[in-house]
N, C-alpha and C. Protein backbone atom coordinates (compact mmCIF):
# COMPACT_ATOMS: atom_id res chain seq x y z
N UNK A 1 1.43 -1.52 -0.30
CA UNK A 1 -0.21 -0.04 -0.08
C UNK A 1 0.45 1.21 -0.10
N UNK A 2 0.88 2.47 -0.48
CA UNK A 2 0.76 3.46 -0.76
C UNK A 2 0.59 4.23 -0.78
N UNK A 3 0.55 5.86 -0.34
CA UNK A 3 0.15 6.88 0.44
C UNK A 3 -1.23 6.90 -0.95
N UNK A 4 -0.50 6.96 -1.98
CA UNK A 4 -2.18 7.95 -3.23
C UNK A 4 -2.10 6.07 -2.53
N UNK A 5 -2.88 5.47 -2.41
CA UNK A 5 -3.69 4.72 -2.18
C UNK A 5 -4.60 4.37 -1.75
N UNK A 6 -4.38 5.53 -0.26
CA UNK A 6 -5.24 5.96 0.58
C UNK A 6 -5.90 6.80 0.36
N UNK A 7 -4.85 8.02 0.15
CA UNK A 7 -5.27 9.28 -0.87
C UNK A 7 -5.19 9.49 -1.62
N UNK A 8 -5.98 9.79 -2.32
CA UNK A 8 -5.25 10.02 -4.22
C UNK A 8 -4.64 11.59 -4.30
N UNK A 9 -3.71 11.88 -5.07
CA UNK A 9 -3.18 13.30 -5.64
C UNK A 9 -4.33 13.81 -5.60
N UNK A 10 -3.65 14.63 -4.86
CA UNK A 10 -4.55 16.52 -5.03
C UNK A 10 -6.26 16.24 -3.88
N UNK A 11 -6.03 15.50 -3.57
CA UNK A 11 -7.66 15.02 -2.02
C UNK A 11 -7.17 15.50 -1.54
N UNK A 12 -7.61 16.18 -1.09
CA UNK A 12 -7.26 16.46 0.84
C UNK A 12 -8.37 15.14 1.67
N UNK A 13 -9.49 14.54 1.50
CA UNK A 13 -9.68 13.60 2.81
C UNK A 13 -10.32 12.72 1.58
N UNK A 14 -10.28 10.82 2.44
CA UNK A 14 -11.02 10.60 2.57
C UNK A 14 -12.27 10.00 3.74
N UNK A 15 -12.74 8.60 3.04
CA UNK A 15 -13.89 8.35 3.97
C UNK A 15 -13.22 6.73 4.39
N UNK A 16 -13.65 6.62 5.30
CA UNK A 16 -12.66 4.98 6.01
C UNK A 16 -13.20 5.70 7.19
N UNK A 17 -13.80 3.82 7.18
CA UNK A 17 -14.84 3.40 8.60
C UNK A 17 -15.90 3.70 8.52
N UNK A 18 -16.11 5.31 8.17
CA UNK A 18 -17.42 6.10 7.95
C UNK A 18 -16.87 7.36 8.84
N UNK A 19 -15.63 7.54 9.23
CA UNK A 19 -15.34 8.84 9.82
C UNK A 19 -13.86 9.37 8.28
N UNK A 20 -13.96 10.47 8.40
CA UNK A 20 -14.08 11.80 7.16
C UNK A 20 -12.18 12.06 7.96
N UNK A 21 -11.71 10.97 6.52
CA UNK A 21 -9.78 11.48 7.18
C UNK A 21 -9.36 12.60 6.44
N UNK A 22 -8.34 13.68 7.18
CA UNK A 22 -8.43 14.38 6.06
C UNK A 22 -6.58 14.60 6.29
N UNK A 23 -5.99 15.40 5.04
CA UNK A 23 -4.44 14.68 5.14
C UNK A 23 -4.17 15.68 6.32
N UNK A 24 -2.13 15.72 7.04
CA UNK A 24 -2.38 15.93 8.17
C UNK A 24 -3.19 15.77 9.42
N UNK A 25 -3.49 14.94 9.54
CA UNK A 25 -4.61 14.13 10.27
C UNK A 25 -3.28 13.21 11.29
N UNK A 26 -2.12 12.84 11.17
CA UNK A 26 -1.70 12.18 12.43
C UNK A 26 -0.36 13.29 12.53
N UNK A 27 0.00 14.01 11.58
CA UNK A 27 0.95 15.32 11.95
C UNK A 27 0.24 16.27 12.83
N UNK A 28 -1.10 16.57 13.27
CA UNK A 28 -2.03 17.37 13.44
C UNK A 28 -1.70 16.77 15.07
N UNK A 29 -2.46 15.25 15.03
CA UNK A 29 -2.25 15.36 16.50
C UNK A 29 -0.94 14.47 17.37
N UNK A 30 0.19 14.31 16.10
CA UNK A 30 1.64 14.56 17.03
C UNK A 30 2.34 15.94 17.60
N UNK A 31 1.23 17.48 17.24
CA UNK A 31 1.63 18.29 17.45
C UNK A 31 1.14 19.21 18.49
N UNK A 32 -0.38 18.24 18.50
CA UNK A 32 -1.30 18.49 19.31
C UNK A 32 -0.71 17.40 20.92
N UNK A 33 0.06 16.56 20.63
CA UNK A 33 0.49 16.11 21.83
C UNK A 33 2.09 16.30 22.64
N UNK A 34 2.92 17.25 20.89
CA UNK A 34 3.97 17.70 21.98
C UNK A 34 3.42 19.11 22.94
N UNK A 35 1.83 19.34 22.74
CA UNK A 35 1.78 20.50 23.41
C UNK A 35 1.56 19.27 25.02
N UNK A 36 0.96 18.47 24.56
CA UNK A 36 0.38 18.42 26.00
C UNK A 36 1.47 17.61 26.93
N UNK A 37 2.80 17.28 26.35
CA UNK A 37 3.67 16.59 27.37
C UNK A 37 4.81 18.23 27.72
N UNK A 38 4.65 18.97 26.75
CA UNK A 38 5.24 20.65 27.05
C UNK A 38 4.86 21.45 28.33
N UNK A 39 6.18 20.90 29.31
CA UNK A 39 5.47 21.30 30.85
C UNK A 39 5.05 22.70 30.89
N UNK A 40 5.99 23.40 29.44
CA UNK A 40 5.91 25.39 29.64
C UNK A 40 4.42 25.44 29.15
N UNK A 41 3.57 24.20 28.54
CA UNK A 41 2.43 24.54 28.02
C UNK A 41 1.10 25.59 28.70
N UNK A 42 0.67 26.57 28.61
CA UNK A 42 -0.20 26.98 29.53
C UNK A 42 -1.11 26.16 29.38
N UNK A 43 -2.61 26.48 30.46
CA UNK A 43 -3.85 25.54 30.74
C UNK A 43 -5.03 26.42 29.28
N UNK A 44 -4.09 27.31 28.83
CA UNK A 44 -5.05 27.33 26.75
C UNK A 44 -4.70 26.68 26.23
N UNK A 45 -3.45 27.07 25.79
CA UNK A 45 -3.37 25.79 24.54
C UNK A 45 -2.81 24.26 25.68
N UNK A 46 -2.98 24.08 26.53
CA UNK A 46 -3.24 22.52 26.44
C UNK A 46 -5.04 21.79 25.93
N UNK A 47 -5.96 23.27 26.36
CA UNK A 47 -7.22 22.63 26.38
C UNK A 47 -7.56 22.48 25.71
N UNK A 48 -6.85 23.61 24.35
CA UNK A 48 -7.18 23.76 22.90
C UNK A 48 -6.52 22.19 21.93
N UNK A 49 -5.34 21.99 22.55
CA UNK A 49 -4.84 20.59 22.27
C UNK A 49 -5.19 19.69 21.83
N UNK A 50 -6.08 19.99 23.68
CA UNK A 50 -7.25 18.40 23.97
C UNK A 50 -7.92 18.34 23.00
N UNK A 51 -8.52 19.54 22.80
CA UNK A 51 -10.09 19.80 21.04
C UNK A 51 -9.71 19.51 20.43
N UNK A 52 -8.48 19.76 20.31
CA UNK A 52 -7.52 19.20 18.43
C UNK A 52 -7.76 17.88 18.42
N UNK A 53 -7.18 16.99 20.28
CA UNK A 53 -7.08 15.78 19.89
C UNK A 53 -8.50 15.21 19.41
N UNK A 54 -9.66 15.32 20.54
CA UNK A 54 -10.31 14.78 20.00
C UNK A 54 -11.74 14.65 18.82
N UNK A 55 -10.75 16.26 18.12
CA UNK A 55 -11.98 16.17 17.00
C UNK A 55 -11.27 15.23 16.01
N UNK A 56 -9.85 14.84 16.03
CA UNK A 56 -8.89 13.87 14.90
C UNK A 56 -9.37 12.08 15.78
N UNK A 57 -9.11 12.33 16.97
CA UNK A 57 -9.67 11.16 16.94
C UNK A 57 -9.87 9.54 16.69
N UNK A 58 -11.55 10.05 15.46
CA UNK A 58 -12.10 9.47 14.67
C UNK A 58 -11.31 9.27 13.43
N UNK A 59 -10.83 10.20 12.92
CA UNK A 59 -9.91 9.31 12.16
C UNK A 59 -9.28 8.96 12.27
N UNK A 60 -7.69 8.74 13.62
CA UNK A 60 -6.91 8.37 13.88
C UNK A 60 -7.62 6.84 14.32
N UNK A 61 -8.20 6.48 14.14
CA UNK A 61 -9.01 5.18 15.09
C UNK A 61 -9.38 4.59 14.08
N UNK A 62 -10.15 5.15 12.50
CA UNK A 62 -10.27 4.39 11.52
C UNK A 62 -9.17 4.65 10.63
N UNK A 63 -8.30 4.47 10.48
CA UNK A 63 -7.04 4.28 10.11
C UNK A 63 -5.95 3.03 10.62
N UNK A 64 -6.58 2.82 12.08
CA UNK A 64 -5.78 2.10 12.63
C UNK A 64 -4.76 2.41 13.32
N UNK A 65 -4.14 3.76 13.76
CA UNK A 65 -2.94 4.22 13.97
C UNK A 65 -2.54 4.42 15.32
N UNK A 66 -3.77 3.56 16.22
CA UNK A 66 -3.98 3.19 18.08
C UNK A 66 -3.38 1.57 18.04
N UNK A 67 -3.44 0.98 17.01
CA UNK A 67 -3.73 0.03 16.64
C UNK A 67 -2.40 -0.97 16.51
N UNK A 68 -1.38 0.29 15.59
CA UNK A 68 0.14 -0.60 15.01
C UNK A 68 1.02 0.38 15.77
N UNK A 69 0.84 0.94 17.05
CA UNK A 69 1.53 2.42 17.81
C UNK A 69 0.68 2.55 19.03
N UNK A 70 1.40 2.32 20.20
CA UNK A 70 1.00 3.20 20.97
C UNK A 70 2.01 4.42 21.58
N UNK A 71 1.03 4.81 22.28
CA UNK A 71 1.65 6.31 22.53
C UNK A 71 2.34 6.04 24.14
N UNK A 72 3.63 6.72 23.74
CA UNK A 72 4.97 6.70 24.76
C UNK A 72 4.18 6.82 26.10
N UNK A 73 3.90 8.53 25.56
CA UNK A 73 3.58 9.12 27.49
C UNK A 73 1.94 8.75 27.90
N UNK A 74 2.69 7.85 28.75
CA UNK A 74 1.64 7.29 29.69
C UNK A 74 0.30 7.56 30.27
N UNK A 75 0.61 9.12 30.52
CA UNK A 75 -1.02 10.09 30.20
C UNK A 75 -1.26 10.94 29.90
N UNK A 76 -0.87 11.03 28.27
CA UNK A 76 -1.62 11.05 27.26
C UNK A 76 -1.92 10.12 26.76
N UNK A 77 -1.24 8.25 26.70
CA UNK A 77 -1.51 7.28 26.24
C UNK A 77 -3.51 7.54 26.97
N UNK A 78 -3.26 7.14 28.69
CA UNK A 78 -4.49 6.89 29.20
C UNK A 78 -5.81 7.94 28.79
N UNK A 79 -5.09 9.69 28.55
CA UNK A 79 -6.03 10.34 28.35
C UNK A 79 -6.61 10.52 27.01
N UNK A 80 -6.11 9.64 25.64
CA UNK A 80 -6.55 9.23 24.60
C UNK A 80 -7.63 8.09 24.74
N UNK A 81 -7.46 6.85 25.95
CA UNK A 81 -7.92 5.38 25.03
C UNK A 81 -9.02 6.25 26.69
N UNK A 82 -9.21 6.95 27.03
CA UNK A 82 -10.79 7.45 28.36
C UNK A 82 -11.54 8.55 27.01
N UNK A 83 -10.60 8.77 26.36
CA UNK A 83 -11.82 9.52 24.64
C UNK A 83 -12.61 8.37 23.75
N UNK A 84 -14.13 8.75 24.39
CA UNK A 84 -15.03 8.59 22.94
C UNK A 84 -14.68 8.04 21.86
């Protein structure tokens, strides 16, 4: 499987398992995870990162990200697993 087999060249989204998966979903998750792991991040930045992660979780679950990889940070992993 190659990237264009999942998301055709020129396409920004696809639907997998009933969830819309946008180009950049994994990168956005990682950026927000870094914010949550940053002890210097203020409460507003952390709350925004959590909101953005919640928005992208259905797509990440649909692509099977968490079946193939485990979040190393135990607090972030527990928080993600607790999200509906």
